[in-house]
Amino acid sequence: MSADPKVASPARGAGLVALWDLCRILRAPNGCPWDKEQTPASLTPYVVEETYEILESVSHDDWPATAEELGDLLFLLMFLAEMVEERGGPGLDALARATDAKLRRRHPHLFETPEEISSSDQQRRWQHLKQAEKGSGSLLGQIPAGAPSLTAAYRTQEKAASVGFDWPDVEGVVKKVEEELGEVREAMATRGAGDEELRRELGDLLFAVTNLARYVRVDPERELRAAVLRFRGRFRHIEDKLAERGRTPAESSLEEMDALWEEAKRRERAEPR
């Protein structure tokens, strides 16, 4: 069914302007008391929470929930931008224009000299342009203090790979993982639990596994989160089934719990995706 031609479609960007206006209404002298009390620092935990809620919904392929959480995060970002302007910084419109100009500079193959390039070529150019803009002495830049270690490892490896510091094929990455695992085994055999050398080798192993994920274009943060959710779901299955038998995991054998674990895995495979 076609749209009624008498009903005008909302102007492009009208929703963003309406949300921006709402931020100003909430912060106005006669606005909401709670919203007027907020500062960039007090709002930060909510930004972090909404970001993780987006990650969770994406891990479940729950697109309606993802859309809702994106809307919540969009509001918080616009609200933060309003606070920045109140403190003498650039307003939301100026921020948007500056970001638009920056992204156009970083896509010269589209906006300066049109040409066809590969994804890896663009990634390499992006890092060089970003480094030049920031005047950074290192292509790797800085790691944000609050960044999860897994994400920091992935981004560090990605930046190094953008200039060719990478394995020529996936076999090299796999062998590195196996090498690091061997060094962990050796450290476990020759040193006590908690030994500094063992800790270092475990860190190297985690870094190598993250690099393998990057090489095969898998987001390790997302997949580790999904693995945690699978584990929790399977363990809950064990708890529920044992409860039906009048027992707890502590009162059951490992063999019995393993059997229920495999049952949970089979149930997962049978569920429609």
C-alpha atoms as a PDB file:
ATOM      1  CA  MET A   1       0.000   0.000   0.000  1.00  0.00           C
ATOM      2  CA  SER A   2       1.436   3.373  -0.974  1.00  0.00           C
ATOM      3  CA  ALA A   3       1.646   6.281   1.421  1.00  0.00           C
ATOM      4  CA  ASP A   4      -1.126   8.876   1.372  1.00  0.00           C
ATOM      5  CA  PRO A   5       0.260  11.763  -0.744  1.00  0.00           C
ATOM      6  CA  LYS A   6      -1.758  14.213   1.371  1.00  0.00           C
ATOM      7  CA  VAL A   7       0.234  13.281   4.479  1.00  0.00           C
ATOM      8  CA  ALA A   8       3.569  15.079   4.428  1.00  0.00           C
ATOM      9  CA  SER A   9       6.588  13.056   5.530  1.00  0.00           C
ATOM     10  CA  PRO A  10       8.584  14.524   8.423  1.00  0.00           C
ATOM     11  CA  ALA A  11      11.517  16.608   7.267  1.00  0.00           C
ATOM     12  CA  ARG A  12      14.830  14.777   7.371  1.00  0.00           C
ATOM     13  CA  GLY A  13      16.438  15.452  10.734  1.00  0.00           C
ATOM     14  CA  ALA A  14      13.223  16.721  12.343  1.00  0.00           C
ATOM     15  CA  GLY A  15      13.391  13.996  14.983  1.00  0.00           C
ATOM     16  CA  LEU A  16      16.932  14.983  15.932  1.00  0.00           C
ATOM     17  CA  VAL A  17      15.939  18.637  16.238  1.00  0.00           C
ATOM     18  CA  ALA A  18      12.951  17.684  18.416  1.00  0.00           C
ATOM     19  CA  LEU A  19      15.193  15.650  20.731  1.00  0.00           C
ATOM     20  CA  TRP A  20      17.714  18.508  20.845  1.00  0.00           C
ATOM     21  CA  ASP A  21      14.905  20.927  21.783  1.00  0.00           C
ATOM     22  CA  LEU A  22      13.816  18.519  24.531  1.00  0.00           C
ATOM     23  CA  CYS A  23      17.328  18.610  26.029  1.00  0.00           C
ATOM     24  CA  ARG A  24      17.099  22.395  26.264  1.00  0.00           C
ATOM     25  CA  ILE A  25      13.605  22.279  27.779  1.00  0.00           C
ATOM     26  CA  LEU A  26      14.767  19.852  30.461  1.00  0.00           C
ATOM     27  CA  ARG A  27      17.767  22.060  31.302  1.00  0.00           C
ATOM     28  CA  ALA A  28      15.828  25.356  31.257  1.00  0.00           C
ATOM     29  CA  PRO A  29      15.310  27.341  34.509  1.00  0.00           C
ATOM     30  CA  ASN A  30      11.747  26.026  34.714  1.00  0.00           C
ATOM     31  CA  GLY A  31      12.729  22.553  33.498  1.00  0.00           C
ATOM     32  CA  CYS A  32      13.106  19.259  35.344  1.00  0.00           C
ATOM     33  CA  PRO A  33      14.887  19.571  38.729  1.00  0.00           C
ATOM     34  CA  TRP A  34      16.751  16.278  38.306  1.00  0.00           C
ATOM     35  CA  ASP A  35      17.910  17.056  34.762  1.00  0.00           C
ATOM     36  CA  LYS A  36      19.085  20.532  35.801  1.00  0.00           C
ATOM     37  CA  GLU A  37      21.270  19.016  38.528  1.00  0.00           C
ATOM     38  CA  GLN A  38      23.161  16.748  36.164  1.00  0.00           C
ATOM     39  CA  THR A  39      26.769  17.350  35.120  1.00  0.00           C
ATOM     40  CA  PRO A  40      28.958  15.622  32.523  1.00  0.00           C
ATOM     41  CA  ALA A  41      30.537  13.616  35.357  1.00  0.00           C
ATOM     42  CA  SER A  42      27.198  12.545  36.857  1.00  0.00           C
ATOM     43  CA  LEU A  43      25.903  11.521  33.438  1.00  0.00           C
ATOM     44  CA  THR A  44      28.908   9.339  32.558  1.00  0.00           C
ATOM     45  CA  PRO A  45      27.691   6.173  34.372  1.00  0.00           C
ATOM     46  CA  TYR A  46      24.441   6.304  32.395  1.00  0.00           C
ATOM     47  CA  VAL A  47      26.360   6.594  29.107  1.00  0.00           C
ATOM     48  CA  VAL A  48      28.438   3.548  30.055  1.00  0.00           C
ATOM     49  CA  GLU A  49      25.336   1.600  31.112  1.00  0.00           C
ATOM     50  CA  GLU A  50      23.467   2.360  27.880  1.00  0.00           C
ATOM     51  CA  THR A  51      26.524   1.380  25.834  1.00  0.00           C
ATOM     52  CA  TYR A  52      26.657  -2.019  27.519  1.00  0.00           C
ATOM     53  CA  GLU A  53      22.917  -2.470  27.041  1.00  0.00           C
ATOM     54  CA  ILE A  54      23.463  -1.925  23.308  1.00  0.00           C
ATOM     55  CA  LEU A  55      26.243  -4.531  23.327  1.00  0.00           C
ATOM     56  CA  GLU A  56      23.968  -6.996  25.098  1.00  0.00           C
ATOM     57  CA  SER A  57      21.069  -6.515  22.692  1.00  0.00           C
ATOM     58  CA  VAL A  58      23.412  -6.860  19.697  1.00  0.00           C
ATOM     59  CA  SER A  59      24.830 -10.091  21.154  1.00  0.00           C
ATOM     60  CA  HIS A  60      21.257 -11.456  21.132  1.00  0.00           C
ATOM     61  CA  ASP A  61      20.527 -10.124  17.610  1.00  0.00           C
ATOM     62  CA  ASP A  62      17.611  -8.298  19.231  1.00  0.00           C
ATOM     63  CA  TRP A  63      17.250  -5.408  16.800  1.00  0.00           C
ATOM     64  CA  PRO A  64      14.129  -3.792  18.318  1.00  0.00           C
ATOM     65  CA  ALA A  65      15.921  -3.643  21.676  1.00  0.00           C
ATOM     66  CA  THR A  66      19.070  -2.370  19.989  1.00  0.00           C
ATOM     67  CA  ALA A  67      17.095   0.416  18.327  1.00  0.00           C
ATOM     68  CA  GLU A  68      15.541   1.411  21.650  1.00  0.00           C
ATOM     69  CA  GLU A  69      18.898   1.441  23.437  1.00  0.00           C
ATOM     70  CA  LEU A  70      20.445   3.460  20.599  1.00  0.00           C
ATOM     71  CA  GLY A  71      17.713   6.034  21.107  1.00  0.00           C
ATOM     72  CA  ASP A  72      18.499   6.231  24.818  1.00  0.00           C
ATOM     73  CA  LEU A  73      22.203   6.664  24.114  1.00  0.00           C
ATOM     74  CA  LEU A  74      21.475   9.280  21.443  1.00  0.00           C
ATOM     75  CA  PHE A  75      19.521  11.315  24.005  1.00  0.00           C
ATOM     76  CA  LEU A  76      22.346  11.086  26.545  1.00  0.00           C
ATOM     77  CA  LEU A  77      24.936  12.192  23.982  1.00  0.00           C
ATOM     78  CA  MET A  78      22.822  15.156  22.936  1.00  0.00           C
ATOM     79  CA  PHE A  79      22.221  15.976  26.612  1.00  0.00           C
ATOM     80  CA  LEU A  80      25.989  15.909  27.211  1.00  0.00           C
ATOM     81  CA  ALA A  81      26.537  18.150  24.197  1.00  0.00           C
ATOM     82  CA  GLU A  82      24.083  20.660  25.700  1.00  0.00           C
ATOM     83  CA  MET A  83      26.120  20.691  28.922  1.00  0.00           C
ATOM     84  CA  VAL A  84      29.354  21.241  26.957  1.00  0.00           C
ATOM     85  CA  GLU A  85      27.786  24.283  25.278  1.00  0.00           C
ATOM     86  CA  GLU A  86      26.587  25.628  28.640  1.00  0.00           C
ATOM     87  CA  ARG A  87      30.214  25.531  29.778  1.00  0.00           C
ATOM     88  CA  GLY A  88      31.427  27.586  26.817  1.00  0.00           C
ATOM     89  CA  GLY A  89      32.233  24.731  24.472  1.00  0.00           C
ATOM     90  CA  PRO A  90      30.926  24.195  20.947  1.00  0.00           C
ATOM     91  CA  GLY A  91      27.235  23.445  20.629  1.00  0.00           C
ATOM     92  CA  LEU A  92      25.686  20.325  19.184  1.00  0.00           C
ATOM     93  CA  ASP A  93      25.385  21.813  15.692  1.00  0.00           C
ATOM     94  CA  ALA A  94      29.048  22.898  15.740  1.00  0.00           C
ATOM     95  CA  LEU A  95      30.073  19.450  16.988  1.00  0.00           C
ATOM     96  CA  ALA A  96      28.129  17.779  14.185  1.00  0.00           C
ATOM     97  CA  ARG A  97      29.661  20.047  11.540  1.00  0.00           C
ATOM     98  CA  ALA A  98      33.176  19.518  12.892  1.00  0.00           C
ATOM     99  CA  THR A  99      32.688  15.752  12.887  1.00  0.00           C
ATOM    100  CA  ASP A 100      31.248  15.859   9.367  1.00  0.00           C
ATOM    101  CA  ALA A 101      34.302  17.796   8.164  1.00  0.00           C
ATOM    102  CA  LYS A 102      36.683  15.394   9.939  1.00  0.00           C
ATOM    103  CA  LEU A 103      35.078  12.302   8.427  1.00  0.00           C
ATOM    104  CA  ARG A 104      35.142  13.848   4.953  1.00  0.00           C
ATOM    105  CA  ARG A 105      38.868  14.561   5.373  1.00  0.00           C
ATOM    106  CA  ARG A 106      39.417  10.943   6.336  1.00  0.00           C
ATOM    107  CA  HIS A 107      37.639   9.706   3.196  1.00  0.00           C
ATOM    108  CA  PRO A 108      39.647  11.526   0.488  1.00  0.00           C
ATOM    109  CA  HIS A 109      38.846   8.752  -2.006  1.00  0.00           C
ATOM    110  CA  LEU A 110      35.211   9.897  -1.845  1.00  0.00           C
ATOM    111  CA  PHE A 111      35.390  13.651  -1.302  1.00  0.00           C
ATOM    112  CA  GLU A 112      38.728  14.805  -2.766  1.00  0.00           C
ATOM    113  CA  THR A 113      40.066  12.535  -5.493  1.00  0.00           C
ATOM    114  CA  PRO A 114      37.510   9.829  -6.272  1.00  0.00           C
ATOM    115  CA  GLU A 115      39.112   6.416  -6.644  1.00  0.00           C
ATOM    116  CA  GLU A 116      38.442   2.773  -5.847  1.00  0.00           C
ATOM    117  CA  ILE A 117      40.424   1.434  -2.903  1.00  0.00           C
ATOM    118  CA  SER A 118      40.266  -1.658  -0.714  1.00  0.00           C
ATOM    119  CA  SER A 119      39.052  -1.768   2.865  1.00  0.00           C
ATOM    120  CA  SER A 120      42.620  -2.360   4.113  1.00  0.00           C
ATOM    121  CA  ASP A 121      43.867   0.637   2.073  1.00  0.00           C
ATOM    122  CA  GLN A 122      41.238   2.851   3.688  1.00  0.00           C
ATOM    123  CA  GLN A 123      42.083   1.574   7.150  1.00  0.00           C
ATOM    124  CA  ARG A 124      45.749   2.380   6.553  1.00  0.00           C
ATOM    125  CA  ARG A 125      44.963   5.888   5.275  1.00  0.00           C
ATOM    126  CA  TRP A 126      42.575   6.519   8.154  1.00  0.00           C
ATOM    127  CA  GLN A 127      45.253   5.782  10.742  1.00  0.00           C
ATOM    128  CA  HIS A 128      47.813   8.000   8.985  1.00  0.00           C
ATOM    129  CA  LEU A 129      45.350  10.888   8.673  1.00  0.00           C
ATOM    130  CA  LYS A 130      44.259  10.533  12.289  1.00  0.00           C
ATOM    131  CA  GLN A 131      47.872  10.477  13.455  1.00  0.00           C
ATOM    132  CA  ALA A 132      48.658  13.597  11.432  1.00  0.00           C
ATOM    133  CA  GLU A 133      45.589  15.463  12.746  1.00  0.00           C
ATOM    134  CA  LYS A 134      46.376  14.706  16.367  1.00  0.00           C
ATOM    135  CA  GLY A 135      50.120  15.229  16.007  1.00  0.00           C
ATOM    136  CA  SER A 136      50.670  11.939  17.805  1.00  0.00           C
ATOM    137  CA  GLY A 137      54.160  10.489  17.959  1.00  0.00           C
ATOM    138  CA  SER A 138      52.794   6.961  17.635  1.00  0.00           C
ATOM    139  CA  LEU A 139      50.315   5.408  15.269  1.00  0.00           C
ATOM    140  CA  LEU A 140      48.896   3.488  18.226  1.00  0.00           C
ATOM    141  CA  GLY A 141      47.766   6.650  20.001  1.00  0.00           C
ATOM    142  CA  GLN A 142      46.487   6.470  23.567  1.00  0.00           C
ATOM    143  CA  ILE A 143      44.385   3.796  25.255  1.00  0.00           C
ATOM    144  CA  PRO A 144      41.383   5.369  27.034  1.00  0.00           C
ATOM    145  CA  ALA A 145      41.727   4.730  30.764  1.00  0.00           C
ATOM    146  CA  GLY A 146      38.337   3.035  31.037  1.00  0.00           C
ATOM    147  CA  ALA A 147      38.580   0.880  27.910  1.00  0.00           C
ATOM    148  CA  PRO A 148      38.083  -2.879  28.456  1.00  0.00           C
ATOM    149  CA  SER A 149      41.397  -4.711  28.042  1.00  0.00           C
ATOM    150  CA  LEU A 150      40.000  -6.963  25.318  1.00  0.00           C
ATOM    151  CA  THR A 151      38.892  -3.972  23.265  1.00  0.00           C
ATOM    152  CA  ALA A 152      42.211  -2.202  23.874  1.00  0.00           C
ATOM    153  CA  ALA A 153      44.103  -5.263  22.623  1.00  0.00           C
ATOM    154  CA  TYR A 154      41.916  -5.540  19.512  1.00  0.00           C
ATOM    155  CA  ARG A 155      42.261  -1.866  18.594  1.00  0.00           C
ATOM    156  CA  THR A 156      46.024  -1.844  19.225  1.00  0.00           C
ATOM    157  CA  GLN A 157      46.500  -4.847  16.939  1.00  0.00           C
ATOM    158  CA  GLU A 158      44.201  -3.336  14.326  1.00  0.00           C
ATOM    159  CA  LYS A 159      46.192  -0.098  14.226  1.00  0.00           C
ATOM    160  CA  ALA A 160      49.512  -1.928  13.939  1.00  0.00           C
ATOM    161  CA  ALA A 161      48.107  -4.124  11.162  1.00  0.00           C
ATOM    162  CA  SER A 162      46.962  -1.047   9.222  1.00  0.00           C
ATOM    163  CA  VAL A 163      50.616  -0.308   8.320  1.00  0.00           C
ATOM    164  CA  GLY A 164      51.472  -3.910   7.457  1.00  0.00           C
ATOM    165  CA  PHE A 165      52.700  -5.081  10.871  1.00  0.00           C
ATOM    166  CA  ASP A 166      50.669  -8.265  10.645  1.00  0.00           C
ATOM    167  CA  TRP A 167      50.896 -11.966   9.912  1.00  0.00           C
ATOM    168  CA  PRO A 168      50.918 -12.857   6.184  1.00  0.00           C
ATOM    169  CA  ASP A 169      48.335 -15.623   6.719  1.00  0.00           C
ATOM    170  CA  VAL A 170      46.078 -17.024   9.423  1.00  0.00           C
ATOM    171  CA  GLU A 171      48.335 -20.046   9.990  1.00  0.00           C
ATOM    172  CA  GLY A 172      50.968 -17.772  11.480  1.00  0.00           C
ATOM    173  CA  VAL A 173      48.397 -16.406  13.929  1.00  0.00           C
ATOM    174  CA  VAL A 174      47.244 -19.901  14.910  1.00  0.00           C
ATOM    175  CA  LYS A 175      50.839 -21.030  15.475  1.00  0.00           C
ATOM    176  CA  LYS A 176      51.400 -18.002  17.692  1.00  0.00           C
ATOM    177  CA  VAL A 177      48.400 -18.984  19.808  1.00  0.00           C
ATOM    178  CA  GLU A 178      49.760 -22.531  20.081  1.00  0.00           C
ATOM    179  CA  GLU A 179      53.201 -21.174  20.975  1.00  0.00           C
ATOM    180  CA  GLU A 180      51.794 -18.995  23.733  1.00  0.00           C
ATOM    181  CA  LEU A 181      49.712 -21.898  25.053  1.00  0.00           C
ATOM    182  CA  GLY A 182      52.879 -24.012  25.171  1.00  0.00           C
ATOM    183  CA  GLU A 183      54.643 -21.312  27.179  1.00  0.00           C
ATOM    184  CA  VAL A 184      51.712 -21.213  29.613  1.00  0.00           C
ATOM    185  CA  ARG A 185      51.969 -24.987  30.045  1.00  0.00           C
ATOM    186  CA  GLU A 186      55.703 -24.698  30.667  1.00  0.00           C
ATOM    187  CA  ALA A 187      55.229 -21.923  33.218  1.00  0.00           C
ATOM    188  CA  MET A 188      52.561 -23.992  34.995  1.00  0.00           C
ATOM    189  CA  ALA A 189      54.890 -27.001  35.153  1.00  0.00           C
ATOM    190  CA  THR A 190      57.895 -25.113  36.501  1.00  0.00           C
ATOM    191  CA  ARG A 191      56.368 -22.369  38.631  1.00  0.00           C
ATOM    192  CA  GLY A 192      53.730 -22.022  41.326  1.00  0.00           C
ATOM    193  CA  ALA A 193      50.232 -20.684  40.876  1.00  0.00           C
ATOM    194  CA  GLY A 194      50.168 -16.905  40.763  1.00  0.00           C
ATOM    195  CA  ASP A 195      53.819 -16.684  39.718  1.00  0.00           C
ATOM    196  CA  GLU A 196      54.634 -13.491  37.826  1.00  0.00           C
ATOM    197  CA  GLU A 197      55.988 -15.362  34.797  1.00  0.00           C
ATOM    198  CA  LEU A 198      52.819 -17.454  34.580  1.00  0.00           C
ATOM    199  CA  ARG A 199      50.705 -14.306  34.733  1.00  0.00           C
ATOM    200  CA  ARG A 200      52.722 -12.766  31.904  1.00  0.00           C
ATOM    201  CA  GLU A 201      52.370 -15.873  29.743  1.00  0.00           C
ATOM    202  CA  LEU A 202      48.624 -15.970  30.313  1.00  0.00           C
ATOM    203  CA  GLY A 203      48.444 -12.312  29.276  1.00  0.00           C
ATOM    204  CA  ASP A 204      50.400 -13.100  26.105  1.00  0.00           C
ATOM    205  CA  LEU A 205      48.033 -16.000  25.352  1.00  0.00           C
ATOM    206  CA  LEU A 206      44.974 -13.772  25.731  1.00  0.00           C
ATOM    207  CA  PHE A 207      46.594 -11.174  23.481  1.00  0.00           C
ATOM    208  CA  ALA A 208      47.355 -13.828  20.835  1.00  0.00           C
ATOM    209  CA  VAL A 209      43.785 -15.193  20.914  1.00  0.00           C
ATOM    210  CA  THR A 210      42.446 -11.644  20.522  1.00  0.00           C
ATOM    211  CA  ASN A 211      44.737 -11.204  17.528  1.00  0.00           C
ATOM    212  CA  LEU A 212      43.339 -14.390  15.972  1.00  0.00           C
ATOM    213  CA  ALA A 213      39.812 -13.025  16.406  1.00  0.00           C
ATOM    214  CA  ARG A 214      40.841  -9.764  14.730  1.00  0.00           C
ATOM    215  CA  TYR A 215      42.521 -11.593  11.863  1.00  0.00           C
ATOM    216  CA  VAL A 216      39.384 -13.601  11.038  1.00  0.00           C
ATOM    217  CA  ARG A 217      37.197 -10.474  11.497  1.00  0.00           C
ATOM    218  CA  VAL A 218      35.400 -11.535  14.653  1.00  0.00           C
ATOM    219  CA  ASP A 219      34.690  -9.067  17.462  1.00  0.00           C
ATOM    220  CA  PRO A 220      36.231 -10.773  20.530  1.00  0.00           C
ATOM    221  CA  GLU A 221      34.348  -8.555  22.975  1.00  0.00           C
ATOM    222  CA  ARG A 222      31.002  -9.505  21.488  1.00  0.00           C
ATOM    223  CA  GLU A 223      31.799 -13.206  21.184  1.00  0.00           C
ATOM    224  CA  LEU A 224      33.225 -13.486  24.691  1.00  0.00           C
ATOM    225  CA  ARG A 225      30.085 -11.815  26.011  1.00  0.00           C
ATOM    226  CA  ALA A 226      27.980 -14.286  23.993  1.00  0.00           C
ATOM    227  CA  ALA A 227      30.058 -17.185  25.373  1.00  0.00           C
ATOM    228  CA  VAL A 228      29.457 -15.953  28.930  1.00  0.00           C
ATOM    229  CA  LEU A 229      25.709 -15.808  28.258  1.00  0.00           C
ATOM    230  CA  ARG A 230      25.781 -19.345  26.830  1.00  0.00           C
ATOM    231  CA  PHE A 231      27.671 -20.602  29.869  1.00  0.00           C
ATOM    232  CA  ARG A 232      25.202 -18.937  32.236  1.00  0.00           C
ATOM    233  CA  GLY A 233      22.248 -20.396  30.338  1.00  0.00           C
ATOM    234  CA  ARG A 234      23.708 -23.908  30.381  1.00  0.00           C
ATOM    235  CA  PHE A 235      24.629 -23.711  34.061  1.00  0.00           C
ATOM    236  CA  ARG A 236      21.134 -22.488  34.894  1.00  0.00           C
ATOM    237  CA  HIS A 237      19.828 -25.560  33.044  1.00  0.00           C
ATOM    238  CA  ILE A 238      21.994 -27.742  35.310  1.00  0.00           C
ATOM    239  CA  GLU A 239      20.673 -25.967  38.415  1.00  0.00           C
ATOM    240  CA  ASP A 240      17.033 -26.281  37.291  1.00  0.00           C
ATOM    241  CA  LYS A 241      17.290 -29.970  36.411  1.00  0.00           C
ATOM    242  CA  LEU A 242      19.080 -30.803  39.661  1.00  0.00           C
ATOM    243  CA  ALA A 243      16.478 -28.829  41.610  1.00  0.00           C
ATOM    244  CA  GLU A 244      13.809 -31.060  40.045  1.00  0.00           C
ATOM    245  CA  ARG A 245      15.732 -33.995  41.541  1.00  0.00           C
ATOM    246  CA  GLY A 246      15.888 -32.301  44.923  1.00  0.00           C
ATOM    247  CA  ARG A 247      19.617 -31.523  44.800  1.00  0.00           C
ATOM    248  CA  THR A 248      22.034 -28.641  44.231  1.00  0.00           C
ATOM    249  CA  PRO A 249      25.234 -28.642  42.124  1.00  0.00           C
ATOM    250  CA  ALA A 250      27.289 -28.937  45.328  1.00  0.00           C
ATOM    251  CA  GLU A 251      25.421 -32.166  46.121  1.00  0.00           C
ATOM    252  CA  SER A 252      25.915 -33.673  42.655  1.00  0.00           C
ATOM    253  CA  SER A 253      28.758 -35.387  40.840  1.00  0.00           C
ATOM    254  CA  LEU A 254      30.750 -33.823  38.031  1.00  0.00           C
ATOM    255  CA  GLU A 255      29.601 -36.613  35.712  1.00  0.00           C
ATOM    256  CA  GLU A 256      25.941 -35.813  36.374  1.00  0.00           C
ATOM    257  CA  MET A 257      26.505 -32.101  35.788  1.00  0.00           C
ATOM    258  CA  ASP A 258      28.474 -32.821  32.583  1.00  0.00           C
ATOM    259  CA  ALA A 259      25.568 -34.884  31.254  1.00  0.00           C
ATOM    260  CA  LEU A 260      23.139 -32.034  31.939  1.00  0.00           C
ATOM    261  CA  TRP A 261      25.598 -29.579  30.331  1.00  0.00           C
ATOM    262  CA  GLU A 262      25.597 -31.641  27.123  1.00  0.00           C
ATOM    263  CA  GLU A 263      21.799 -31.798  27.305  1.00  0.00           C
ATOM    264  CA  ALA A 264      21.701 -27.992  27.438  1.00  0.00           C
ATOM    265  CA  LYS A 265      24.001 -27.775  24.411  1.00  0.00           C
ATOM    266  CA  ARG A 266      21.767 -30.119  22.417  1.00  0.00           C
ATOM    267  CA  ARG A 267      18.754 -28.034  23.358  1.00  0.00           C
ATOM    268  CA  GLU A 268      20.541 -24.878  22.100  1.00  0.00           C
ATOM    269  CA  ARG A 269      21.251 -26.498  18.745  1.00  0.00           C
ATOM    270  CA  ALA A 270      17.614 -27.537  18.371  1.00  0.00           C
ATOM    271  CA  GLU A 271      16.319 -24.018  19.048  1.00  0.00           C
ATOM    272  CA  PRO A 272      15.467 -21.921  15.956  1.00  0.00           C
ATOM    273  CA  ARG A 273      17.937 -19.077  15.272  1.00  0.00           C
END
